[in-house]
PDB file of N, CA and C in Angstrom:
ATOM      1  N   MET A   1      -0.212 -61.168  81.961  1.00  0.00           N
ATOM      2  CA  MET A   1      -1.254 -60.739  82.750  1.00  0.00           C
ATOM      3  C   MET A   1      -2.385 -60.544  81.775  1.00  0.00           C
ATOM      4  N   GLN A   2      -2.203 -60.251  80.586  1.00  0.00           N
ATOM      5  CA  GLN A   2      -3.432 -59.996  79.782  1.00  0.00           C
ATOM      6  C   GLN A   2      -4.162 -61.415  79.601  1.00  0.00           C
ATOM      7  N   SER A   3      -3.591 -62.361  79.545  1.00  0.00           N
ATOM      8  CA  SER A   3      -4.144 -63.615  79.265  1.00  0.00           C
ATOM      9  C   SER A   3      -4.928 -64.130  80.487  1.00  0.00           C
ATOM     10  N   TRP A   4      -4.526 -63.839  81.794  1.00  0.00           N
ATOM     11  CA  TRP A   4      -5.229 -63.942  82.959  1.00  0.00           C
ATOM     12  C   TRP A   4      -6.591 -63.040  82.930  1.00  0.00           C
ATOM     13  N   THR A   5      -6.398 -61.763  82.545  1.00  0.00           N
ATOM     14  CA  THR A   5      -7.552 -60.803  82.271  1.00  0.00           C
ATOM     15  C   THR A   5      -8.603 -61.459  81.338  1.00  0.00           C
ATOM     16  N   ALA A   6      -8.159 -61.690  80.194  1.00  0.00           N
ATOM     17  CA  ALA A   6      -8.953 -62.378  79.203  1.00  0.00           C
ATOM     18  C   ALA A   6      -9.731 -63.670  79.689  1.00  0.00           C
ATOM     19  N   LEU A   7      -8.968 -64.385  80.428  1.00  0.00           N
ATOM     20  CA  LEU A   7      -9.607 -65.604  81.119  1.00  0.00           C
ATOM     21  C   LEU A   7     -10.866 -65.296  82.115  1.00  0.00           C
ATOM     22  N   CYS A   8     -10.324 -64.166  83.004  1.00  0.00           N
ATOM     23  CA  CYS A   8     -11.340 -63.550  83.763  1.00  0.00           C
ATOM     24  C   CYS A   8     -12.813 -63.269  83.076  1.00  0.00           C
ATOM     25  N   VAL A   9     -12.401 -62.447  82.017  1.00  0.00           N
ATOM     26  CA  VAL A   9     -13.813 -61.970  81.205  1.00  0.00           C
ATOM     27  C   VAL A   9     -14.382 -63.173  80.549  1.00  0.00           C
ATOM     28  N   LEU A  10     -13.742 -64.158  80.147  1.00  0.00           N
ATOM     29  CA  LEU A  10     -14.415 -65.211  79.385  1.00  0.00           C
ATOM     30  C   LEU A  10     -15.045 -66.095  80.423  1.00  0.00           C
ATOM     31  N   ALA A  11     -14.565 -66.311  81.772  1.00  0.00           N
ATOM     32  CA  ALA A  11     -15.350 -67.083  82.680  1.00  0.00           C
ATOM     33  C   ALA A  11     -16.559 -66.434  83.192  1.00  0.00           C
ATOM     34  N   ALA A  12     -16.345 -64.913  83.337  1.00  0.00           N
ATOM     35  CA  ALA A  12     -17.633 -64.323  83.821  1.00  0.00           C
ATOM     36  C   ALA A  12     -18.635 -64.270  82.782  1.00  0.00           C
ATOM     37  N   LEU A  13     -18.282 -64.311  81.568  1.00  0.00           N
ATOM     38  CA  LEU A  13     -19.405 -64.225  80.557  1.00  0.00           C
ATOM     39  C   LEU A  13     -19.869 -65.543  80.506  1.00  0.00           C
ATOM     40  N   TRP A  14     -19.314 -66.752  80.566  1.00  0.00           N
ATOM     41  CA  TRP A  14     -19.537 -68.126  80.578  1.00  0.00           C
ATOM     42  C   TRP A  14     -20.660 -68.352  81.748  1.00  0.00           C
ATOM     43  N   SER A  15     -20.236 -67.716  82.829  1.00  0.00           N
ATOM     44  CA  SER A  15     -21.137 -67.889  84.030  1.00  0.00           C
ATOM     45  C   SER A  15     -22.467 -67.173  84.004  1.00  0.00           C
ATOM     46  N   LEU A  16     -22.267 -65.919  83.272  1.00  0.00           N
ATOM     47  CA  LEU A  16     -23.471 -65.104  83.001  1.00  0.00           C
ATOM     48  C   LEU A  16     -24.358 -65.748  81.951  1.00  0.00           C
ATOM     49  N   ALA A  17     -23.788 -66.284  81.122  1.00  0.00           N
ATOM     50  CA  ALA A  17     -24.867 -67.033  79.978  1.00  0.00           C
ATOM     51  C   ALA A  17     -25.365 -68.187  80.415  1.00  0.00           C
ATOM     52  N   TRP A  18     -24.582 -68.990  81.238  1.00  0.00           N
ATOM     53  CA  TRP A  18     -25.262 -70.039  81.776  1.00  0.00           C
ATOM     54  C   TRP A  18     -26.347 -69.800  82.924  1.00  0.00           C
ATOM     55  N   GLY A  19     -26.031 -68.807  83.633  1.00  0.00           N
ATOM     56  CA  GLY A  19     -27.013 -68.360  84.813  1.00  0.00           C
ATOM     57  C   GLY A  19     -28.295 -67.806  84.034  1.00  0.00           C
ATOM     58  N   VAL A  20     -28.125 -67.205  82.892  1.00  0.00           N
ATOM     59  CA  VAL A  20     -29.357 -66.721  82.478  1.00  0.00           C
ATOM     60  C   VAL A  20     -30.260 -67.980  81.645  1.00  0.00           C
ATOM     61  N   GLY A  21     -29.468 -69.040  81.402  1.00  0.00           N
ATOM     62  CA  GLY A  21     -30.034 -70.203  80.853  1.00  0.00           C
ATOM     63  C   GLY A  21     -30.823 -70.935  82.083  1.00  0.00           C
ATOM     64  N   TRP A  22     -30.175 -70.848  83.162  1.00  0.00           N
ATOM     65  CA  TRP A  22     -30.835 -71.500  84.366  1.00  0.00           C
ATOM     66  C   TRP A  22     -31.819 -70.791  84.957  1.00  0.00           C
ATOM     67  N   MET A  23     -31.856 -69.372  84.771  1.00  0.00           N
ATOM     68  CA  MET A  23     -33.218 -68.588  84.998  1.00  0.00           C
ATOM     69  C   MET A  23     -34.457 -68.958  84.072  1.00  0.00           C
ATOM     70  N   SER A  24     -33.909 -69.154  82.690  1.00  0.00           N
ATOM     71  CA  SER A  24     -34.978 -69.471  81.792  1.00  0.00           C
ATOM     72  C   SER A  24     -35.474 -70.944  81.743  1.00  0.00           C
ATOM     73  N   GLY A  25     -34.691 -71.656  82.606  1.00  0.00           N
ATOM     74  CA  GLY A  25     -35.326 -73.062  82.736  1.00  0.00           C
ATOM     75  C   GLY A  25     -34.580 -74.132  81.845  1.00  0.00           C
ATOM     76  N   ALA A  26     -33.388 -73.893  81.365  1.00  0.00           N
ATOM     77  CA  ALA A  26     -32.556 -74.844  80.892  1.00  0.00           C
ATOM     78  C   ALA A  26     -31.963 -76.018  81.793  1.00  0.00           C
ATOM     79  N   ALA A  27     -32.095 -77.103  81.080  1.00  0.00           N
ATOM     80  CA  ALA A  27     -31.716 -78.355  82.163  1.00  0.00           C
ATOM     81  C   ALA A  27     -30.330 -78.412  82.444  1.00  0.00           C
ATOM     82  N   ASP A  28     -29.911 -78.415  83.622  1.00  0.00           N
ATOM     83  CA  ASP A  28     -28.677 -78.587  84.178  1.00  0.00           C
ATOM     84  C   ASP A  28     -27.628 -77.478  83.928  1.00  0.00           C
ATOM     85  N   SER A  29     -28.245 -76.282  83.508  1.00  0.00           N
ATOM     86  CA  SER A  29     -27.310 -75.134  83.314  1.00  0.00           C
ATOM     87  C   SER A  29     -26.655 -74.492  84.606  1.00  0.00           C
ATOM     88  N   TRP A  30     -27.364 -74.848  85.626  1.00  0.00           N
ATOM     89  CA  TRP A  30     -26.661 -74.408  86.968  1.00  0.00           C
ATOM     90  C   TRP A  30     -25.254 -75.072  87.165  1.00  0.00           C
ATOM     91  N   VAL A  31     -25.074 -76.293  86.697  1.00  0.00           N
ATOM     92  CA  VAL A  31     -23.915 -76.887  86.734  1.00  0.00           C
ATOM     93  C   VAL A  31     -22.662 -76.180  85.965  1.00  0.00           C
ATOM     94  N   PHE A  32     -23.147 -75.808  84.789  1.00  0.00           N
ATOM     95  CA  PHE A  32     -22.192 -75.049  83.933  1.00  0.00           C
ATOM     96  C   PHE A  32     -21.985 -73.520  84.581  1.00  0.00           C
ATOM     97  N   ALA A  33     -22.907 -72.952  85.207  1.00  0.00           N
ATOM     98  CA  ALA A  33     -22.744 -71.620  85.633  1.00  0.00           C
ATOM     99  C   ALA A  33     -21.891 -71.765  86.897  1.00  0.00           C
ATOM    100  N   ALA A  34     -21.953 -72.903  87.804  1.00  0.00           N
ATOM    101  CA  ALA A  34     -21.073 -73.121  89.005  1.00  0.00           C
ATOM    102  C   ALA A  34     -19.653 -73.428  88.374  1.00  0.00           C
ATOM    103  N   ALA A  35     -19.535 -74.159  87.420  1.00  0.00           N
ATOM    104  CA  ALA A  35     -18.152 -74.342  86.786  1.00  0.00           C
ATOM    105  C   ALA A  35     -17.445 -73.147  86.457  1.00  0.00           C
ATOM    106  N   GLY A  36     -18.232 -72.200  85.614  1.00  0.00           N
ATOM    107  CA  GLY A  36     -17.791 -70.930  85.367  1.00  0.00           C
ATOM    108  C   GLY A  36     -17.404 -70.146  86.462  1.00  0.00           C
ATOM    109  N   LEU A  37     -18.209 -70.154  87.581  1.00  0.00           N
ATOM    110  CA  LEU A  37     -17.800 -69.311  88.731  1.00  0.00           C
ATOM    111  C   LEU A  37     -16.544 -69.882  89.528  1.00  0.00           C
ATOM    112  N   VAL A  38     -16.229 -71.080  89.363  1.00  0.00           N
ATOM    113  CA  VAL A  38     -15.054 -71.658  89.868  1.00  0.00           C
ATOM    114  C   VAL A  38     -13.841 -71.382  88.972  1.00  0.00           C
ATOM    115  N   LEU A  39     -14.118 -71.323  87.615  1.00  0.00           N
ATOM    116  CA  LEU A  39     -12.981 -70.978  86.734  1.00  0.00           C
ATOM    117  C   LEU A  39     -12.773 -69.449  86.924  1.00  0.00           C
ATOM    118  N   LEU A  40     -13.768 -68.751  87.189  1.00  0.00           N
ATOM    119  CA  LEU A  40     -13.725 -67.117  87.571  1.00  0.00           C
ATOM    120  C   LEU A  40     -12.838 -67.061  88.758  1.00  0.00           C
ATOM    121  N   GLY A  41     -12.937 -67.817  89.744  1.00  0.00           N
ATOM    122  CA  GLY A  41     -12.331 -67.576  90.980  1.00  0.00           C
ATOM    123  C   GLY A  41     -10.933 -67.983  90.895  1.00  0.00           C
ATOM    124  N   CYS A  42     -10.700 -69.088  90.178  1.00  0.00           N
ATOM    125  CA  CYS A  42      -9.068 -69.511  89.969  1.00  0.00           C
ATOM    126  C   CYS A  42      -8.404 -68.440  89.007  1.00  0.00           C
ATOM    127  N   ALA A  43      -9.007 -67.990  87.899  1.00  0.00           N
ATOM    128  CA  ALA A  43      -8.563 -66.994  87.032  1.00  0.00           C
ATOM    129  C   ALA A  43      -8.105 -65.729  87.697  1.00  0.00           C
ATOM    130  N   SER A  44      -8.944 -65.286  88.549  1.00  0.00           N
ATOM    131  CA  SER A  44      -8.883 -64.025  89.368  1.00  0.00           C
ATOM    132  C   SER A  44      -7.773 -64.100  90.348  1.00  0.00           C
ATOM    133  N   TRP A  45      -7.751 -65.245  90.975  1.00  0.00           N
ATOM    134  CA  TRP A  45      -6.583 -65.625  92.063  1.00  0.00           C
ATOM    135  C   TRP A  45      -5.289 -65.484  91.308  1.00  0.00           C
ATOM    136  N   ALA A  46      -5.166 -66.277  90.051  1.00  0.00           N
ATOM    137  CA  ALA A  46      -4.021 -66.043  89.289  1.00  0.00           C
ATOM    138  C   ALA A  46      -3.700 -64.777  88.724  1.00  0.00           C
ATOM    139  N   ARG A  47      -4.587 -63.950  88.393  1.00  0.00           N
ATOM    140  CA  ARG A  47      -4.325 -62.717  87.810  1.00  0.00           C
ATOM    141  C   ARG A  47      -3.792 -61.789  89.131  1.00  0.00           C
ATOM    142  N   ARG A  48      -4.236 -61.911  90.149  1.00  0.00           N
ATOM    143  CA  ARG A  48      -3.897 -60.999  91.366  1.00  0.00           C
ATOM    144  C   ARG A  48      -2.404 -61.476  91.724  1.00  0.00           C
ATOM    145  N   SER A  49      -2.213 -62.924  91.692  1.00  0.00           N
ATOM    146  CA  SER A  49      -0.871 -63.326  91.976  1.00  0.00           C
ATOM    147  C   SER A  49       0.120 -62.754  90.948  1.00  0.00           C
ATOM    148  N   ALA A  50      -0.175 -62.697  89.564  1.00  0.00           N
ATOM    149  CA  ALA A  50       0.604 -62.162  88.626  1.00  0.00           C
ATOM    150  C   ALA A  50       0.853 -60.729  88.706  1.00  0.00           C
ATOM    151  N   VAL A  51       0.014 -59.966  89.234  1.00  0.00           N
ATOM    152  CA  VAL A  51       0.138 -58.476  89.540  1.00  0.00           C
ATOM    153  C   VAL A  51       1.009 -58.353  90.623  1.00  0.00           C
ATOM    154  N   ARG A  52       0.635 -59.097  91.717  1.00  0.00           N
ATOM    155  CA  ARG A  52       1.495 -58.857  93.015  1.00  0.00           C
ATOM    156  C   ARG A  52       2.889 -59.262  92.723  1.00  0.00           C
ATOM    157  N   ASN A  53       3.263 -60.202  91.822  1.00  0.00           N
ATOM    158  CA  ASN A  53       4.620 -60.670  91.673  1.00  0.00           C
ATOM    159  C   ASN A  53       5.505 -60.144  90.502  1.00  0.00           C
ATOM    160  N   THR A  54       4.861 -59.162  90.004  1.00  0.00           N
ATOM    161  CA  THR A  54       5.603 -58.510  88.945  1.00  0.00           C
ATOM    162  C   THR A  54       6.722 -57.423  89.718  1.00  0.00           C
ATOM    163  N   PRO A  55       7.798 -57.480  89.075  1.00  0.00           N
ATOM    164  CA  PRO A  55       8.910 -56.516  89.446  1.00  0.00           C
ATOM    165  C   PRO A  55       8.363 -55.119  89.438  1.00  0.00           C
ATOM    166  N   PRO A  56       8.761 -54.328  90.386  1.00  0.00           N
ATOM    167  CA  PRO A  56       8.632 -52.796  90.193  1.00  0.00           C
ATOM    168  C   PRO A  56       9.222 -52.205  88.915  1.00  0.00           C
ATOM    169  N   ARG A  57       8.615 -51.273  88.248  1.00  0.00           N
ATOM    170  CA  ARG A  57       9.141 -50.762  87.018  1.00  0.00           C
ATOM    171  C   ARG A  57       9.745 -49.370  87.365  1.00  0.00           C
ATOM    172  N   HIS A  58      10.995 -49.185  87.151  1.00  0.00           N
ATOM    173  CA  HIS A  58      11.657 -47.945  87.506  1.00  0.00           C
ATOM    174  C   HIS A  58      11.917 -47.075  86.049  1.00  0.00           C
ATOM    175  N   LEU A  59      11.458 -46.016  86.109  1.00  0.00           N
ATOM    176  CA  LEU A  59      11.636 -45.200  85.054  1.00  0.00           C
ATOM    177  C   LEU A  59      12.788 -44.491  85.092  1.00  0.00           C
TER     178      LEU A  59
END
């Protein structure tokens, strides 16, 4: 689950960085921002599935 969390953070930072580039006028950076948002959605879905599918822990 830690790897999915790390991937979510990385994809969010990727989208944010390219979104800032898009706002400042860098060419085609909106494509990279959109790809980062897609990756963020996939990683969030996988993380949510991993959390939901973990067996309950009994102490």
